[in-house]
Amino acid sequence: ALEQARQAAAQEQAQQQFTRFMAGSGYSPSSVKMFHD
């Protein structure tokens, strides 16, 4: 159960970072490609 909670927290944090990244850079396919690589 602890591991599951840790995974959920990490996933939430990653989603927040991703949202912040998208908001900061503006959406464009090239920046998304760079972000994933």
PDB file of N, CA and C in Angstrom:
ATOM      1  N   ALA A   1       0.842  -1.210   0.000  1.00  0.00           N
ATOM      2  CA  ALA A   1       0.000   0.000   0.000  1.00  0.00           C
ATOM      3  C   ALA A   1       0.877   1.259   0.000  1.00  0.00           C
ATOM      4  N   LEU A   2       1.977   1.198   0.752  1.00  0.00           N
ATOM      5  CA  LEU A   2       2.883   2.349   0.815  1.00  0.00           C
ATOM      6  C   LEU A   2       3.506   2.618  -0.554  1.00  0.00           C
ATOM      7  N   GLU A   3       3.924   1.551  -1.203  1.00  0.00           N
ATOM      8  CA  GLU A   3       4.528   1.676  -2.532  1.00  0.00           C
ATOM      9  C   GLU A   3       3.534   2.275  -3.523  1.00  0.00           C
ATOM     10  N   GLN A   4       2.278   1.850  -3.421  1.00  0.00           N
ATOM     11  CA  GLN A   4       1.237   2.349  -4.320  1.00  0.00           C
ATOM     12  C   GLN A   4       1.032   3.855  -4.113  1.00  0.00           C
ATOM     13  N   ALA A   5       1.029   4.268  -2.861  1.00  0.00           N
ATOM     14  CA  ALA A   5       0.856   5.686  -2.544  1.00  0.00           C
ATOM     15  C   ALA A   5       2.039   6.499  -3.064  1.00  0.00           C
ATOM     16  N   ARG A   6       3.235   5.924  -2.945  1.00  0.00           N
ATOM     17  CA  ARG A   6       4.442   6.603  -3.412  1.00  0.00           C
ATOM     18  C   ARG A   6       4.391   6.781  -4.934  1.00  0.00           C
ATOM     19  N   GLN A   7       3.923   5.743  -5.619  1.00  0.00           N
ATOM     20  CA  GLN A   7       3.801   5.814  -7.079  1.00  0.00           C
ATOM     21  C   GLN A   7       2.786   6.878  -7.478  1.00  0.00           C
ATOM     22  N   ALA A   8       1.656   6.913  -6.770  1.00  0.00           N
ATOM     23  CA  ALA A   8       0.604   7.882  -7.077  1.00  0.00           C
ATOM     24  C   ALA A   8       1.122   9.308  -6.879  1.00  0.00           C
ATOM     25  N   ALA A   9       1.888   9.512  -5.815  1.00  0.00           N
ATOM     26  CA  ALA A   9       2.437  10.835  -5.532  1.00  0.00           C
ATOM     27  C   ALA A   9       3.428  11.249  -6.618  1.00  0.00           C
ATOM     28  N   ALA A  10       4.261  10.312  -7.042  1.00  0.00           N
ATOM     29  CA  ALA A  10       5.245  10.600  -8.075  1.00  0.00           C
ATOM     30  C   ALA A  10       4.555  10.935  -9.395  1.00  0.00           C
ATOM     31  N   GLN A  11       3.484  10.203  -9.684  1.00  0.00           N
ATOM     32  CA  GLN A  11       2.742  10.429 -10.920  1.00  0.00           C
ATOM     33  C   GLN A  11       2.098  11.816 -10.902  1.00  0.00           C
ATOM     34  N   GLU A  12       1.549  12.174  -9.754  1.00  0.00           N
ATOM     35  CA  GLU A  12       0.913  13.479  -9.610  1.00  0.00           C
ATOM     36  C   GLU A  12       1.938  14.595  -9.779  1.00  0.00           C
ATOM     37  N   GLN A  13       3.112  14.401  -9.189  1.00  0.00           N
ATOM     38  CA  GLN A  13       4.178  15.396  -9.279  1.00  0.00           C
ATOM     39  C   GLN A  13       4.627  15.565 -10.729  1.00  0.00           C
ATOM     40  N   ALA A  14       4.765  14.448 -11.429  1.00  0.00           N
ATOM     41  CA  ALA A  14       5.181  14.485 -12.827  1.00  0.00           C
ATOM     42  C   ALA A  14       4.149  15.223 -13.668  1.00  0.00           C
ATOM     43  N   GLN A  15       2.874  15.002 -13.356  1.00  0.00           N
ATOM     44  CA  GLN A  15       1.808  15.656 -14.107  1.00  0.00           C
ATOM     45  C   GLN A  15       1.840  17.166 -13.864  1.00  0.00           C
ATOM     46  N   GLN A  16       2.109  17.563 -12.628  1.00  0.00           N
ATOM     47  CA  GLN A  16       2.208  18.986 -12.311  1.00  0.00           C
ATOM     48  C   GLN A  16       3.378  19.626 -13.048  1.00  0.00           C
ATOM     49  N   GLN A  17       4.512  18.950 -13.061  1.00  0.00           N
ATOM     50  CA  GLN A  17       5.689  19.460 -13.763  1.00  0.00           C
ATOM     51  C   GLN A  17       5.395  19.588 -15.251  1.00  0.00           C
ATOM     52  N   PHE A  18       4.699  18.587 -15.803  1.00  0.00           N
ATOM     53  CA  PHE A  18       4.359  18.597 -17.218  1.00  0.00           C
ATOM     54  C   PHE A  18       3.438  19.767 -17.535  1.00  0.00           C
ATOM     55  N   THR A  19       2.443  19.983 -16.667  1.00  0.00           N
ATOM     56  CA  THR A  19       1.510  21.088 -16.873  1.00  0.00           C
ATOM     57  C   THR A  19       2.243  22.419 -16.827  1.00  0.00           C
ATOM     58  N   ARG A  20       3.160  22.543 -15.867  1.00  0.00           N
ATOM     59  CA  ARG A  20       3.934  23.772 -15.727  1.00  0.00           C
ATOM     60  C   ARG A  20       4.816  23.983 -16.953  1.00  0.00           C
ATOM     61  N   PHE A  21       5.398  22.903 -17.442  1.00  0.00           N
ATOM     62  CA  PHE A  21       6.241  22.966 -18.630  1.00  0.00           C
ATOM     63  C   PHE A  21       5.436  23.439 -19.834  1.00  0.00           C
ATOM     64  N   MET A  22       4.246  22.865 -19.999  1.00  0.00           N
ATOM     65  CA  MET A  22       3.400  23.217 -21.132  1.00  0.00           C
ATOM     66  C   MET A  22       2.985  24.681 -21.036  1.00  0.00           C
ATOM     67  N   ALA A  23       2.635  25.125 -19.838  1.00  0.00           N
ATOM     68  CA  ALA A  23       2.193  26.504 -19.648  1.00  0.00           C
ATOM     69  C   ALA A  23       3.355  27.470 -19.883  1.00  0.00           C
ATOM     70  N   GLY A  24       4.549  27.075 -19.469  1.00  0.00           N
ATOM     71  CA  GLY A  24       5.709  27.945 -19.567  1.00  0.00           C
ATOM     72  C   GLY A  24       6.216  28.105 -20.986  1.00  0.00           C
ATOM     73  N   SER A  25       6.179  27.026 -21.765  1.00  0.00           N
ATOM     74  CA  SER A  25       6.807  27.069 -23.082  1.00  0.00           C
ATOM     75  C   SER A  25       5.795  27.321 -24.191  1.00  0.00           C
ATOM     76  N   GLY A  26       4.512  27.145 -23.888  1.00  0.00           N
ATOM     77  CA  GLY A  26       3.517  27.208 -24.942  1.00  0.00           C
ATOM     78  C   GLY A  26       3.500  25.885 -25.679  1.00  0.00           C
ATOM     79  N   TYR A  27       2.325  25.460 -26.106  1.00  0.00           N
ATOM     80  CA  TYR A  27       2.250  24.134 -26.711  1.00  0.00           C
ATOM     81  C   TYR A  27       2.783  24.164 -28.134  1.00  0.00           C
ATOM     82  N   SER A  28       3.764  23.317 -28.400  1.00  0.00           N
ATOM     83  CA  SER A  28       4.207  23.080 -29.768  1.00  0.00           C
ATOM     84  C   SER A  28       4.807  21.686 -29.854  1.00  0.00           C
ATOM     85  N   PRO A  29       4.579  20.987 -30.953  1.00  0.00           N
ATOM     86  CA  PRO A  29       5.038  19.596 -31.087  1.00  0.00           C
ATOM     87  C   PRO A  29       6.539  19.443 -30.872  1.00  0.00           C
ATOM     88  N   SER A  30       7.329  20.416 -31.311  1.00  0.00           N
ATOM     89  CA  SER A  30       8.781  20.292 -31.199  1.00  0.00           C
ATOM     90  C   SER A  30       9.226  20.310 -29.739  1.00  0.00           C
ATOM     91  N   SER A  31       8.606  21.182 -28.927  1.00  0.00           N
ATOM     92  CA  SER A  31       8.989  21.254 -27.518  1.00  0.00           C
ATOM     93  C   SER A  31       8.539  19.998 -26.775  1.00  0.00           C
ATOM     94  N   VAL A  32       7.406  19.443 -27.189  1.00  0.00           N
ATOM     95  CA  VAL A  32       6.938  18.193 -26.585  1.00  0.00           C
ATOM     96  C   VAL A  32       7.905  17.067 -26.921  1.00  0.00           C
ATOM     97  N   LYS A  33       8.370  17.049 -28.160  1.00  0.00           N
ATOM     98  CA  LYS A  33       9.318  16.014 -28.586  1.00  0.00           C
ATOM     99  C   LYS A  33      10.606  16.113 -27.759  1.00  0.00           C
ATOM    100  N   MET A  34      11.103  17.343 -27.588  1.00  0.00           N
ATOM    101  CA  MET A  34      12.299  17.556 -26.783  1.00  0.00           C
ATOM    102  C   MET A  34      12.077  17.109 -25.346  1.00  0.00           C
ATOM    103  N   PHE A  35      10.892  17.411 -24.819  1.00  0.00           N
ATOM    104  CA  PHE A  35      10.578  17.090 -23.435  1.00  0.00           C
ATOM    105  C   PHE A  35      10.587  15.581 -23.220  1.00  0.00           C
ATOM    106  N   HIS A  36      10.058  14.836 -24.186  1.00  0.00           N
ATOM    107  CA  HIS A  36       9.993  13.384 -24.038  1.00  0.00           C
ATOM    108  C   HIS A  36      11.345  12.727 -24.274  1.00  0.00           C
ATOM    109  N   ASP A  37      12.151  13.305 -25.139  1.00  0.00           N
ATOM    110  CA  ASP A  37      13.489  12.758 -25.359  1.00  0.00           C
ATOM    111  C   ASP A  37      14.389  13.169 -24.210  1.00  0.00           C
TER     112      ASP A  37
END
